Amino acid sequence: FKLDEVREALSEIGVTGLTVTEVKGFGRQ
């Protein structure tokens, strides 16, 4: 659910391209 916010933040600093992949995983949780 944070994808759009991150994409907008990167766009604001001039990052013009990115690749997004849906993944599954876990860390400490």
mmCIF file of all heavy atoms, coordinates in Angstrom:
data_MODEL
# 
_entry.id   MODEL 
# 
loop_
_atom_site.group_PDB 
_atom_site.id 
_atom_site.type_symbol 
_atom_site.label_atom_id 
_atom_site.label_alt_id 
_atom_site.label_comp_id 
_atom_site.label_asym_id 
_atom_site.label_entity_id 
_atom_site.label_seq_id 
_atom_site.pdbx_PDB_ins_code 
_atom_site.Cartn_x 
_atom_site.Cartn_y 
_atom_site.Cartn_z 
_atom_site.occupancy 
_atom_site.B_iso_or_equiv 
_atom_site.pdbx_formal_charge 
_atom_site.auth_seq_id 
_atom_site.auth_comp_id 
_atom_site.auth_asym_id 
_atom_site.auth_atom_id 
_atom_site.pdbx_PDB_model_num 
ATOM 1   N N   . PHE A 1 1  ? 0.812  -1.219  0.000   1.00 0.00 ? 1  PHE A N   1 
ATOM 2   C CA  . PHE A 1 1  ? 0.000  0.000   0.000   1.00 0.00 ? 1  PHE A CA  1 
ATOM 3   C C   . PHE A 1 1  ? 0.849  1.274   0.000   1.00 0.00 ? 1  PHE A C   1 
ATOM 4   O O   . PHE A 1 1  ? 0.317  2.369   -0.166  1.00 0.00 ? 1  PHE A O   1 
ATOM 5   C CB  . PHE A 1 1  ? -0.989 0.005   1.172   1.00 0.00 ? 1  PHE A CB  1 
ATOM 6   C CG  . PHE A 1 1  ? -0.354 0.084   2.535   1.00 0.00 ? 1  PHE A CG  1 
ATOM 7   C CD1 . PHE A 1 1  ? -0.087 1.312   3.111   1.00 0.00 ? 1  PHE A CD1 1 
ATOM 8   C CD2 . PHE A 1 1  ? -0.054 -1.078  3.237   1.00 0.00 ? 1  PHE A CD2 1 
ATOM 9   C CE1 . PHE A 1 1  ? 0.489  1.387   4.373   1.00 0.00 ? 1  PHE A CE1 1 
ATOM 10  C CE2 . PHE A 1 1  ? 0.519  -1.011  4.497   1.00 0.00 ? 1  PHE A CE2 1 
ATOM 11  C CZ  . PHE A 1 1  ? 0.791  0.229   5.068   1.00 0.00 ? 1  PHE A CZ  1 
ATOM 12  N N   . LYS A 1 2  ? 2.163  1.148   0.134   1.00 0.00 ? 2  LYS A N   1 
ATOM 13  C CA  . LYS A 1 2  ? 3.054  2.304   0.098   1.00 0.00 ? 2  LYS A CA  1 
ATOM 14  C C   . LYS A 1 2  ? 3.640  2.558   -1.292  1.00 0.00 ? 2  LYS A C   1 
ATOM 15  O O   . LYS A 1 2  ? 4.386  3.512   -1.493  1.00 0.00 ? 2  LYS A O   1 
ATOM 16  C CB  . LYS A 1 2  ? 4.201  2.107   1.100   1.00 0.00 ? 2  LYS A CB  1 
ATOM 17  C CG  . LYS A 1 2  ? 3.774  2.256   2.546   1.00 0.00 ? 2  LYS A CG  1 
ATOM 18  C CD  . LYS A 1 2  ? 3.398  3.702   2.787   1.00 0.00 ? 2  LYS A CD  1 
ATOM 19  C CE  . LYS A 1 2  ? 3.303  4.049   4.236   1.00 0.00 ? 2  LYS A CE  1 
ATOM 20  N NZ  . LYS A 1 2  ? 3.121  5.502   4.404   1.00 0.00 ? 2  LYS A NZ  1 
ATOM 21  N N   . LEU A 1 3  ? 3.304  1.718   -2.265  1.00 0.00 ? 3  LEU A N   1 
ATOM 22  C CA  . LEU A 1 3  ? 3.901  1.826   -3.601  1.00 0.00 ? 3  LEU A CA  1 
ATOM 23  C C   . LEU A 1 3  ? 3.681  3.188   -4.243  1.00 0.00 ? 3  LEU A C   1 
ATOM 24  O O   . LEU A 1 3  ? 4.615  3.804   -4.751  1.00 0.00 ? 3  LEU A O   1 
ATOM 25  C CB  . LEU A 1 3  ? 3.373  0.714   -4.509  1.00 0.00 ? 3  LEU A CB  1 
ATOM 26  C CG  . LEU A 1 3  ? 3.854  0.773   -5.960  1.00 0.00 ? 3  LEU A CG  1 
ATOM 27  C CD1 . LEU A 1 3  ? 5.372  0.686   -6.040  1.00 0.00 ? 3  LEU A CD1 1 
ATOM 28  C CD2 . LEU A 1 3  ? 3.201  -0.324  -6.779  1.00 0.00 ? 3  LEU A CD2 1 
ATOM 29  N N   . ASP A 1 4  ? 2.456  3.690   -4.253  1.00 0.00 ? 4  ASP A N   1 
ATOM 30  C CA  . ASP A 1 4  ? 2.180  4.968   -4.913  1.00 0.00 ? 4  ASP A CA  1 
ATOM 31  C C   . ASP A 1 4  ? 2.948  6.114   -4.266  1.00 0.00 ? 4  ASP A C   1 
ATOM 32  O O   . ASP A 1 4  ? 3.478  6.985   -4.962  1.00 0.00 ? 4  ASP A O   1 
ATOM 33  C CB  . ASP A 1 4  ? 0.683  5.268   -4.912  1.00 0.00 ? 4  ASP A CB  1 
ATOM 34  C CG  . ASP A 1 4  ? -0.072 4.418   -5.909  1.00 0.00 ? 4  ASP A CG  1 
ATOM 35  O OD1 . ASP A 1 4  ? 0.540  3.954   -6.890  1.00 0.00 ? 4  ASP A OD1 1 
ATOM 36  O OD2 . ASP A 1 4  ? -1.290 4.204   -5.707  1.00 0.00 ? 4  ASP A OD2 1 
ATOM 37  N N   . GLU A 1 5  ? 3.033  6.112   -2.940  1.00 0.00 ? 5  GLU A N   1 
ATOM 38  C CA  . GLU A 1 5  ? 3.762  7.170   -2.247  1.00 0.00 ? 5  GLU A CA  1 
ATOM 39  C C   . GLU A 1 5  ? 5.253  7.130   -2.592  1.00 0.00 ? 5  GLU A C   1 
ATOM 40  O O   . GLU A 1 5  ? 5.881  8.170   -2.805  1.00 0.00 ? 5  GLU A O   1 
ATOM 41  C CB  . GLU A 1 5  ? 3.582  7.036   -0.733  1.00 0.00 ? 5  GLU A CB  1 
ATOM 42  C CG  . GLU A 1 5  ? 2.179  7.345   -0.262  1.00 0.00 ? 5  GLU A CG  1 
ATOM 43  C CD  . GLU A 1 5  ? 2.019  7.090   1.221   1.00 0.00 ? 5  GLU A CD  1 
ATOM 44  O OE1 . GLU A 1 5  ? 2.839  7.616   2.010   1.00 0.00 ? 5  GLU A OE1 1 
ATOM 45  O OE2 . GLU A 1 5  ? 1.075  6.370   1.594   1.00 0.00 ? 5  GLU A OE2 1 
ATOM 46  N N   . VAL A 1 6  ? 5.821  5.931   -2.659  1.00 0.00 ? 6  VAL A N   1 
ATOM 47  C CA  . VAL A 1 6  ? 7.237  5.790   -2.992  1.00 0.00 ? 6  VAL A CA  1 
ATOM 48  C C   . VAL A 1 6  ? 7.479  6.213   -4.439  1.00 0.00 ? 6  VAL A C   1 
ATOM 49  O O   . VAL A 1 6  ? 8.439  6.926   -4.742  1.00 0.00 ? 6  VAL A O   1 
ATOM 50  C CB  . VAL A 1 6  ? 7.726  4.347   -2.732  1.00 0.00 ? 6  VAL A CB  1 
ATOM 51  C CG1 . VAL A 1 6  ? 9.123  4.136   -3.284  1.00 0.00 ? 6  VAL A CG1 1 
ATOM 52  C CG2 . VAL A 1 6  ? 7.681  4.038   -1.245  1.00 0.00 ? 6  VAL A CG2 1 
ATOM 53  N N   . ARG A 1 7  ? 6.603  5.805   -5.341  1.00 0.00 ? 7  ARG A N   1 
ATOM 54  C CA  . ARG A 1 7  ? 6.754  6.183   -6.747  1.00 0.00 ? 7  ARG A CA  1 
ATOM 55  C C   . ARG A 1 7  ? 6.720  7.698   -6.910  1.00 0.00 ? 7  ARG A C   1 
ATOM 56  O O   . ARG A 1 7  ? 7.533  8.279   -7.623  1.00 0.00 ? 7  ARG A O   1 
ATOM 57  C CB  . ARG A 1 7  ? 5.651  5.536   -7.591  1.00 0.00 ? 7  ARG A CB  1 
ATOM 58  C CG  . ARG A 1 7  ? 5.789  5.821   -9.086  1.00 0.00 ? 7  ARG A CG  1 
ATOM 59  C CD  . ARG A 1 7  ? 4.603  5.315   -9.884  1.00 0.00 ? 7  ARG A CD  1 
ATOM 60  N NE  . ARG A 1 7  ? 3.319  5.784   -9.382  1.00 0.00 ? 7  ARG A NE  1 
ATOM 61  C CZ  . ARG A 1 7  ? 2.818  7.008   -9.590  1.00 0.00 ? 7  ARG A CZ  1 
ATOM 62  N NH1 . ARG A 1 7  ? 3.496  7.886   -10.290 1.00 0.00 ? 7  ARG A NH1 1 
ATOM 63  N NH2 . ARG A 1 7  ? 1.644  7.340   -9.099  1.00 0.00 ? 7  ARG A NH2 1 
ATOM 64  N N   . GLU A 1 8  ? 5.786  8.349   -6.217  1.00 0.00 ? 8  GLU A N   1 
ATOM 65  C CA  . GLU A 1 8  ? 5.691  9.810   -6.295  1.00 0.00 ? 8  GLU A CA  1 
ATOM 66  C C   . GLU A 1 8  ? 6.927  10.481  -5.708  1.00 0.00 ? 8  GLU A C   1 
ATOM 67  O O   . GLU A 1 8  ? 7.442  11.456  -6.266  1.00 0.00 ? 8  GLU A O   1 
ATOM 68  C CB  . GLU A 1 8  ? 4.433  10.296  -5.565  1.00 0.00 ? 8  GLU A CB  1 
ATOM 69  C CG  . GLU A 1 8  ? 3.149  9.951   -6.309  1.00 0.00 ? 8  GLU A CG  1 
ATOM 70  C CD  . GLU A 1 8  ? 1.901  10.258  -5.496  1.00 0.00 ? 8  GLU A CD  1 
ATOM 71  O OE1 . GLU A 1 8  ? 1.999  10.979  -4.475  1.00 0.00 ? 8  GLU A OE1 1 
ATOM 72  O OE2 . GLU A 1 8  ? 0.827  9.768   -5.881  1.00 0.00 ? 8  GLU A OE2 1 
ATOM 73  N N   . ALA A 1 9  ? 7.433  9.960   -4.591  1.00 0.00 ? 9  ALA A N   1 
ATOM 74  C CA  . ALA A 1 9  ? 8.626  10.536  -3.965  1.00 0.00 ? 9  ALA A CA  1 
ATOM 75  C C   . ALA A 1 9  ? 9.839  10.409  -4.881  1.00 0.00 ? 9  ALA A C   1 
ATOM 76  O O   . ALA A 1 9  ? 10.636 11.343  -5.000  1.00 0.00 ? 9  ALA A O   1 
ATOM 77  C CB  . ALA A 1 9  ? 8.889  9.855   -2.629  1.00 0.00 ? 9  ALA A CB  1 
ATOM 78  N N   . LEU A 1 10 ? 9.975  9.271   -5.550  1.00 0.00 ? 10 LEU A N   1 
ATOM 79  C CA  . LEU A 1 10 ? 11.088 9.083   -6.478  1.00 0.00 ? 10 LEU A CA  1 
ATOM 80  C C   . LEU A 1 10 ? 10.944 9.980   -7.701  1.00 0.00 ? 10 LEU A C   1 
ATOM 81  O O   . LEU A 1 10 ? 11.914 10.531  -8.197  1.00 0.00 ? 10 LEU A O   1 
ATOM 82  C CB  . LEU A 1 10 ? 11.192 7.613   -6.892  1.00 0.00 ? 10 LEU A CB  1 
ATOM 83  C CG  . LEU A 1 10 ? 11.681 6.667   -5.798  1.00 0.00 ? 10 LEU A CG  1 
ATOM 84  C CD1 . LEU A 1 10 ? 11.520 5.218   -6.238  1.00 0.00 ? 10 LEU A CD1 1 
ATOM 85  C CD2 . LEU A 1 10 ? 13.121 6.967   -5.419  1.00 0.00 ? 10 LEU A CD2 1 
ATOM 86  N N   . SER A 1 11 ? 9.724  10.136  -8.173  1.00 0.00 ? 11 SER A N   1 
ATOM 87  C CA  . SER A 1 11 ? 9.472  11.008  -9.318  1.00 0.00 ? 11 SER A CA  1 
ATOM 88  C C   . SER A 1 11 ? 9.849  12.457  -8.992  1.00 0.00 ? 11 SER A C   1 
ATOM 89  O O   . SER A 1 11 ? 10.415 13.163  -9.830  1.00 0.00 ? 11 SER A O   1 
ATOM 90  C CB  . SER A 1 11 ? 8.004  10.914  -9.719  1.00 0.00 ? 11 SER A CB  1 
ATOM 91  O OG  . SER A 1 11 ? 7.729  11.750  -10.804 1.00 0.00 ? 11 SER A OG  1 
ATOM 92  N N   . GLU A 1 12 ? 9.561  12.885  -7.771  1.00 0.00 ? 12 GLU A N   1 
ATOM 93  C CA  . GLU A 1 12 ? 9.867  14.259  -7.365  1.00 0.00 ? 12 GLU A CA  1 
ATOM 94  C C   . GLU A 1 12 ? 11.369 14.551  -7.356  1.00 0.00 ? 12 GLU A C   1 
ATOM 95  O O   . GLU A 1 12 ? 11.773 15.698  -7.556  1.00 0.00 ? 12 GLU A O   1 
ATOM 96  C CB  . GLU A 1 12 ? 9.284  14.540  -5.974  1.00 0.00 ? 12 GLU A CB  1 
ATOM 97  C CG  . GLU A 1 12 ? 7.780  14.707  -5.981  1.00 0.00 ? 12 GLU A CG  1 
ATOM 98  C CD  . GLU A 1 12 ? 7.198  14.863  -4.583  1.00 0.00 ? 12 GLU A CD  1 
ATOM 99  O OE1 . GLU A 1 12 ? 7.980  15.012  -3.610  1.00 0.00 ? 12 GLU A OE1 1 
ATOM 100 O OE2 . GLU A 1 12 ? 5.961  14.823  -4.470  1.00 0.00 ? 12 GLU A OE2 1 
ATOM 101 N N   . ILE A 1 13 ? 12.191 13.528  -7.138  1.00 0.00 ? 13 ILE A N   1 
ATOM 102 C CA  . ILE A 1 13 ? 13.643 13.762  -7.136  1.00 0.00 ? 13 ILE A CA  1 
ATOM 103 C C   . ILE A 1 13 ? 14.279 13.462  -8.493  1.00 0.00 ? 13 ILE A C   1 
ATOM 104 O O   . ILE A 1 13 ? 15.489 13.478  -8.626  1.00 0.00 ? 13 ILE A O   1 
ATOM 105 C CB  . ILE A 1 13 ? 14.351 12.958  -6.022  1.00 0.00 ? 13 ILE A CB  1 
ATOM 106 C CG1 . ILE A 1 13 ? 14.214 11.453  -6.238  1.00 0.00 ? 13 ILE A CG1 1 
ATOM 107 C CG2 . ILE A 1 13 ? 13.850 13.381  -4.656  1.00 0.00 ? 13 ILE A CG2 1 
ATOM 108 C CD1 . ILE A 1 13 ? 15.163 10.628  -5.409  1.00 0.00 ? 13 ILE A CD1 1 
ATOM 109 N N   . GLY A 1 14 ? 13.451 13.143  -9.490  1.00 0.00 ? 14 GLY A N   1 
ATOM 110 C CA  . GLY A 1 14 ? 13.962 12.984  -10.847 1.00 0.00 ? 14 GLY A CA  1 
ATOM 111 C C   . GLY A 1 14 ? 14.221 11.563  -11.302 1.00 0.00 ? 14 GLY A C   1 
ATOM 112 O O   . GLY A 1 14 ? 14.812 11.367  -12.362 1.00 0.00 ? 14 GLY A O   1 
ATOM 113 N N   . VAL A 1 15 ? 13.788 10.576  -10.543 1.00 0.00 ? 15 VAL A N   1 
ATOM 114 C CA  . VAL A 1 15 ? 13.930 9.183   -10.981 1.00 0.00 ? 15 VAL A CA  1 
ATOM 115 C C   . VAL A 1 15 ? 12.842 8.935   -12.022 1.00 0.00 ? 15 VAL A C   1 
ATOM 116 O O   . VAL A 1 15 ? 11.653 9.039   -11.732 1.00 0.00 ? 15 VAL A O   1 
ATOM 117 C CB  . VAL A 1 15 ? 13.796 8.194   -9.801  1.00 0.00 ? 15 VAL A CB  1 
ATOM 118 C CG1 . VAL A 1 15 ? 13.793 6.761   -10.293 1.00 0.00 ? 15 VAL A CG1 1 
ATOM 119 C CG2 . VAL A 1 15 ? 14.920 8.417   -8.807  1.00 0.00 ? 15 VAL A CG2 1 
ATOM 120 N N   . THR A 1 16 ? 13.266 8.610   -13.248 1.00 0.00 ? 16 THR A N   1 
ATOM 121 C CA  . THR A 1 16 ? 12.305 8.534   -14.354 1.00 0.00 ? 16 THR A CA  1 
ATOM 122 C C   . THR A 1 16 ? 11.817 7.122   -14.650 1.00 0.00 ? 16 THR A C   1 
ATOM 123 O O   . THR A 1 16 ? 10.824 6.962   -15.338 1.00 0.00 ? 16 THR A O   1 
ATOM 124 C CB  . THR A 1 16 ? 12.925 9.112   -15.638 1.00 0.00 ? 16 THR A CB  1 
ATOM 125 O OG1 . THR A 1 16 ? 14.134 8.406   -15.913 1.00 0.00 ? 16 THR A OG1 1 
ATOM 126 C CG2 . THR A 1 16 ? 13.214 10.592  -15.482 1.00 0.00 ? 16 THR A CG2 1 
ATOM 127 N N   . GLY A 1 17 ? 12.501 6.117   -14.171 1.00 0.00 ? 17 GLY A N   1 
ATOM 128 C CA  . GLY A 1 17 ? 12.066 4.762   -14.475 1.00 0.00 ? 17 GLY A CA  1 
ATOM 129 C C   . GLY A 1 17 ? 12.277 3.842   -13.300 1.00 0.00 ? 17 GLY A C   1 
ATOM 130 O O   . GLY A 1 17 ? 13.213 4.022   -12.515 1.00 0.00 ? 17 GLY A O   1 
ATOM 131 N N   . LEU A 1 18 ? 11.394 2.891   -13.161 1.00 0.00 ? 18 LEU A N   1 
ATOM 132 C CA  . LEU A 1 18 ? 11.547 1.895   -12.108 1.00 0.00 ? 18 LEU A CA  1 
ATOM 133 C C   . LEU A 1 18 ? 10.837 0.624   -12.516 1.00 0.00 ? 18 LEU A C   1 
ATOM 134 O O   . LEU A 1 18 ? 9.975  0.623   -13.379 1.00 0.00 ? 18 LEU A O   1 
ATOM 135 C CB  . LEU A 1 18 ? 11.041 2.407   -10.757 1.00 0.00 ? 18 LEU A CB  1 
ATOM 136 C CG  . LEU A 1 18 ? 9.598  2.904   -10.637 1.00 0.00 ? 18 LEU A CG  1 
ATOM 137 C CD1 . LEU A 1 18 ? 8.687  1.784   -10.178 1.00 0.00 ? 18 LEU A CD1 1 
ATOM 138 C CD2 . LEU A 1 18 ? 9.554  4.017   -9.622  1.00 0.00 ? 18 LEU A CD2 1 
ATOM 139 N N   . THR A 1 19 ? 11.220 -0.458  -11.877 1.00 0.00 ? 19 THR A N   1 
ATOM 140 C CA  . THR A 1 19 ? 10.591 -1.754  -12.106 1.00 0.00 ? 19 THR A CA  1 
ATOM 141 C C   . THR A 1 19 ? 9.947  -2.187  -10.802 1.00 0.00 ? 19 THR A C   1 
ATOM 142 O O   . THR A 1 19 ? 10.554 -2.073  -9.739  1.00 0.00 ? 19 THR A O   1 
ATOM 143 C CB  . THR A 1 19 ? 11.638 -2.806  -12.535 1.00 0.00 ? 19 THR A CB  1 
ATOM 144 O OG1 . THR A 1 19 ? 12.262 -2.350  -13.732 1.00 0.00 ? 19 THR A OG1 1 
ATOM 145 C CG2 . THR A 1 19 ? 10.993 -4.153  -12.781 1.00 0.00 ? 19 THR A CG2 1 
ATOM 146 N N   . VAL A 1 20 ? 8.722  -2.672  -10.877 1.00 0.00 ? 20 VAL A N   1 
ATOM 147 C CA  . VAL A 1 20 ? 7.982  -3.108  -9.699  1.00 0.00 ? 20 VAL A CA  1 
ATOM 148 C C   . VAL A 1 20 ? 7.593  -4.568  -9.872  1.00 0.00 ? 20 VAL A C   1 
ATOM 149 O O   . VAL A 1 20 ? 7.088  -4.964  -10.921 1.00 0.00 ? 20 VAL A O   1 
ATOM 150 C CB  . VAL A 1 20 ? 6.714  -2.250  -9.500  1.00 0.00 ? 20 VAL A CB  1 
ATOM 151 C CG1 . VAL A 1 20 ? 5.893  -2.761  -8.321  1.00 0.00 ? 20 VAL A CG1 1 
ATOM 152 C CG2 . VAL A 1 20 ? 7.080  -0.790  -9.302  1.00 0.00 ? 20 VAL A CG2 1 
ATOM 153 N N   . THR A 1 21 ? 7.843  -5.349  -8.830  1.00 0.00 ? 21 THR A N   1 
ATOM 154 C CA  . THR A 1 21 ? 7.494  -6.765  -8.836  1.00 0.00 ? 21 THR A CA  1 
ATOM 155 C C   . THR A 1 21 ? 6.737  -7.087  -7.560  1.00 0.00 ? 21 THR A C   1 
ATOM 156 O O   . THR A 1 21 ? 7.137  -6.654  -6.476  1.00 0.00 ? 21 THR A O   1 
ATOM 157 C CB  . THR A 1 21 ? 8.776  -7.641  -8.875  1.00 0.00 ? 21 THR A CB  1 
ATOM 158 O OG1 . THR A 1 21 ? 9.628  -7.186  -9.918  1.00 0.00 ? 21 THR A OG1 1 
ATOM 159 C CG2 . THR A 1 21 ? 8.438  -9.096  -9.089  1.00 0.00 ? 21 THR A CG2 1 
ATOM 160 N N   . GLU A 1 22 ? 5.642  -7.838  -7.693  1.00 0.00 ? 22 GLU A N   1 
ATOM 161 C CA  . GLU A 1 22 ? 4.942  -8.317  -6.503  1.00 0.00 ? 22 GLU A CA  1 
ATOM 162 C C   . GLU A 1 22 ? 5.682  -9.546  -5.998  1.00 0.00 ? 22 GLU A C   1 
ATOM 163 O O   . GLU A 1 22 ? 5.907  -10.493 -6.747  1.00 0.00 ? 22 GLU A O   1 
ATOM 164 C CB  . GLU A 1 22 ? 3.496  -8.665  -6.841  1.00 0.00 ? 22 GLU A CB  1 
ATOM 165 C CG  . GLU A 1 22 ? 2.652  -7.457  -7.173  1.00 0.00 ? 22 GLU A CG  1 
ATOM 166 C CD  . GLU A 1 22 ? 1.209  -7.804  -7.469  1.00 0.00 ? 22 GLU A CD  1 
ATOM 167 O OE1 . GLU A 1 22 ? 0.788  -8.948  -7.207  1.00 0.00 ? 22 GLU A OE1 1 
ATOM 168 O OE2 . GLU A 1 22 ? 0.499  -6.920  -7.963  1.00 0.00 ? 22 GLU A OE2 1 
ATOM 169 N N   . VAL A 1 23 ? 6.075  -9.508  -4.722  1.00 0.00 ? 23 VAL A N   1 
ATOM 170 C CA  . VAL A 1 23 ? 6.837  -10.607 -4.129  1.00 0.00 ? 23 VAL A CA  1 
ATOM 171 C C   . VAL A 1 23 ? 6.201  -11.000 -2.800  1.00 0.00 ? 23 VAL A C   1 
ATOM 172 O O   . VAL A 1 23 ? 5.317  -10.320 -2.296  1.00 0.00 ? 23 VAL A O   1 
ATOM 173 C CB  . VAL A 1 23 ? 8.322  -10.214 -3.917  1.00 0.00 ? 23 VAL A CB  1 
ATOM 174 C CG1 . VAL A 1 23 ? 9.012  -9.962  -5.248  1.00 0.00 ? 23 VAL A CG1 1 
ATOM 175 C CG2 . VAL A 1 23 ? 8.452  -9.009  -3.008  1.00 0.00 ? 23 VAL A CG2 1 
ATOM 176 N N   . LYS A 1 24 ? 6.666  -12.109 -2.249  1.00 0.00 ? 24 LYS A N   1 
ATOM 177 C CA  . LYS A 1 24 ? 6.226  -12.536 -0.922  1.00 0.00 ? 24 LYS A CA  1 
ATOM 178 C C   . LYS A 1 24 ? 7.463  -12.846 -0.101  1.00 0.00 ? 24 LYS A C   1 
ATOM 179 O O   . LYS A 1 24 ? 8.463  -13.311 -0.631  1.00 0.00 ? 24 LYS A O   1 
ATOM 180 C CB  . LYS A 1 24 ? 5.348  -13.787 -1.008  1.00 0.00 ? 24 LYS A CB  1 
ATOM 181 C CG  . LYS A 1 24 ? 4.008  -13.527 -1.642  1.00 0.00 ? 24 LYS A CG  1 
ATOM 182 C CD  . LYS A 1 24 ? 3.155  -14.769 -1.612  1.00 0.00 ? 24 LYS A CD  1 
ATOM 183 C CE  . LYS A 1 24 ? 1.807  -14.461 -2.226  1.00 0.00 ? 24 LYS A CE  1 
ATOM 184 N NZ  . LYS A 1 24 ? 0.878  -15.558 -2.046  1.00 0.00 ? 24 LYS A NZ  1 
ATOM 185 N N   . GLY A 1 25 ? 7.377  -12.600 1.185   1.00 0.00 ? 25 GLY A N   1 
ATOM 186 C CA  . GLY A 1 25 ? 8.515  -12.903 2.037   1.00 0.00 ? 25 GLY A CA  1 
ATOM 187 C C   . GLY A 1 25 ? 8.216  -12.575 3.480   1.00 0.00 ? 25 GLY A C   1 
ATOM 188 O O   . GLY A 1 25 ? 7.108  -12.182 3.834   1.00 0.00 ? 25 GLY A O   1 
ATOM 189 N N   . PHE A 1 26 ? 9.225  -12.748 4.313   1.00 0.00 ? 26 PHE A N   1 
ATOM 190 C CA  . PHE A 1 26 ? 9.104  -12.369 5.709   1.00 0.00 ? 26 PHE A CA  1 
ATOM 191 C C   . PHE A 1 26 ? 10.478 -12.070 6.270   1.00 0.00 ? 26 PHE A C   1 
ATOM 192 O O   . PHE A 1 26 ? 11.485 -12.523 5.755   1.00 0.00 ? 26 PHE A O   1 
ATOM 193 C CB  . PHE A 1 26 ? 8.404  -13.451 6.542   1.00 0.00 ? 26 PHE A CB  1 
ATOM 194 C CG  . PHE A 1 26 ? 9.203  -14.715 6.686   1.00 0.00 ? 26 PHE A CG  1 
ATOM 195 C CD1 . PHE A 1 26 ? 10.089 -14.877 7.737   1.00 0.00 ? 26 PHE A CD1 1 
ATOM 196 C CD2 . PHE A 1 26 ? 9.056  -15.743 5.764   1.00 0.00 ? 26 PHE A CD2 1 
ATOM 197 C CE1 . PHE A 1 26 ? 10.827 -16.045 7.871   1.00 0.00 ? 26 PHE A CE1 1 
ATOM 198 C CE2 . PHE A 1 26 ? 9.778  -16.909 5.887   1.00 0.00 ? 26 PHE A CE2 1 
ATOM 199 C CZ  . PHE A 1 26 ? 10.672 -17.063 6.939   1.00 0.00 ? 26 PHE A CZ  1 
ATOM 200 N N   . GLY A 1 27 ? 10.482 -11.279 7.307   1.00 0.00 ? 27 GLY A N   1 
ATOM 201 C CA  . GLY A 1 27 ? 11.709 -10.963 8.024   1.00 0.00 ? 27 GLY A CA  1 
ATOM 202 C C   . GLY A 1 27 ? 11.518 -11.339 9.469   1.00 0.00 ? 27 GLY A C   1 
ATOM 203 O O   . GLY A 1 27 ? 11.121 -12.452 9.783   1.00 0.00 ? 27 GLY A O   1 
ATOM 204 N N   . ARG A 1 28 ? 11.713 -10.388 10.333  1.00 0.00 ? 28 ARG A N   1 
ATOM 205 C CA  . ARG A 1 28 ? 11.588 -10.654 11.763  1.00 0.00 ? 28 ARG A CA  1 
ATOM 206 C C   . ARG A 1 28 ? 10.165 -10.988 12.185  1.00 0.00 ? 28 ARG A C   1 
ATOM 207 O O   . ARG A 1 28 ? 9.952  -11.667 13.169  1.00 0.00 ? 28 ARG A O   1 
ATOM 208 C CB  . ARG A 1 28 ? 12.075 -9.451  12.567  1.00 0.00 ? 28 ARG A CB  1 
ATOM 209 C CG  . ARG A 1 28 ? 13.560 -9.312  12.498  1.00 0.00 ? 28 ARG A CG  1 
ATOM 210 C CD  . ARG A 1 28 ? 14.027 -8.232  13.437  1.00 0.00 ? 28 ARG A CD  1 
ATOM 211 N NE  . ARG A 1 28 ? 15.470 -8.120  13.351  1.00 0.00 ? 28 ARG A NE  1 
ATOM 212 C CZ  . ARG A 1 28 ? 16.127 -7.036  13.653  1.00 0.00 ? 28 ARG A CZ  1 
ATOM 213 N NH1 . ARG A 1 28 ? 15.494 -5.973  14.069  1.00 0.00 ? 28 ARG A NH1 1 
ATOM 214 N NH2 . ARG A 1 28 ? 17.441 -7.013  13.541  1.00 0.00 ? 28 ARG A NH2 1 
ATOM 215 N N   . GLN A 1 29 ? 9.165  -10.490 11.419  1.00 0.00 ? 29 GLN A N   1 
ATOM 216 C CA  . GLN A 1 29 ? 7.791  -10.749 11.851  1.00 0.00 ? 29 GLN A CA  1 
ATOM 217 C C   . GLN A 1 29 ? 7.378  -12.197 11.631  1.00 0.00 ? 29 GLN A C   1 
ATOM 218 O O   . GLN A 1 29 ? 6.409  -12.655 12.203  1.00 0.00 ? 29 GLN A O   1 
ATOM 219 C CB  . GLN A 1 29 ? 6.814  -9.791  11.173  1.00 0.00 ? 29 GLN A CB  1 
ATOM 220 C CG  . GLN A 1 29 ? 6.496  -10.150 9.737   1.00 0.00 ? 29 GLN A CG  1 
ATOM 221 C CD  . GLN A 1 29 ? 7.094  -9.203  8.739   1.00 0.00 ? 29 GLN A CD  1 
ATOM 222 O OE1 . GLN A 1 29 ? 8.237  -8.809  8.832   1.00 0.00 ? 29 GLN A OE1 1 
ATOM 223 N NE2 . GLN A 1 29 ? 6.327  -8.827  7.749   1.00 0.00 ? 29 GLN A NE2 1 
# 
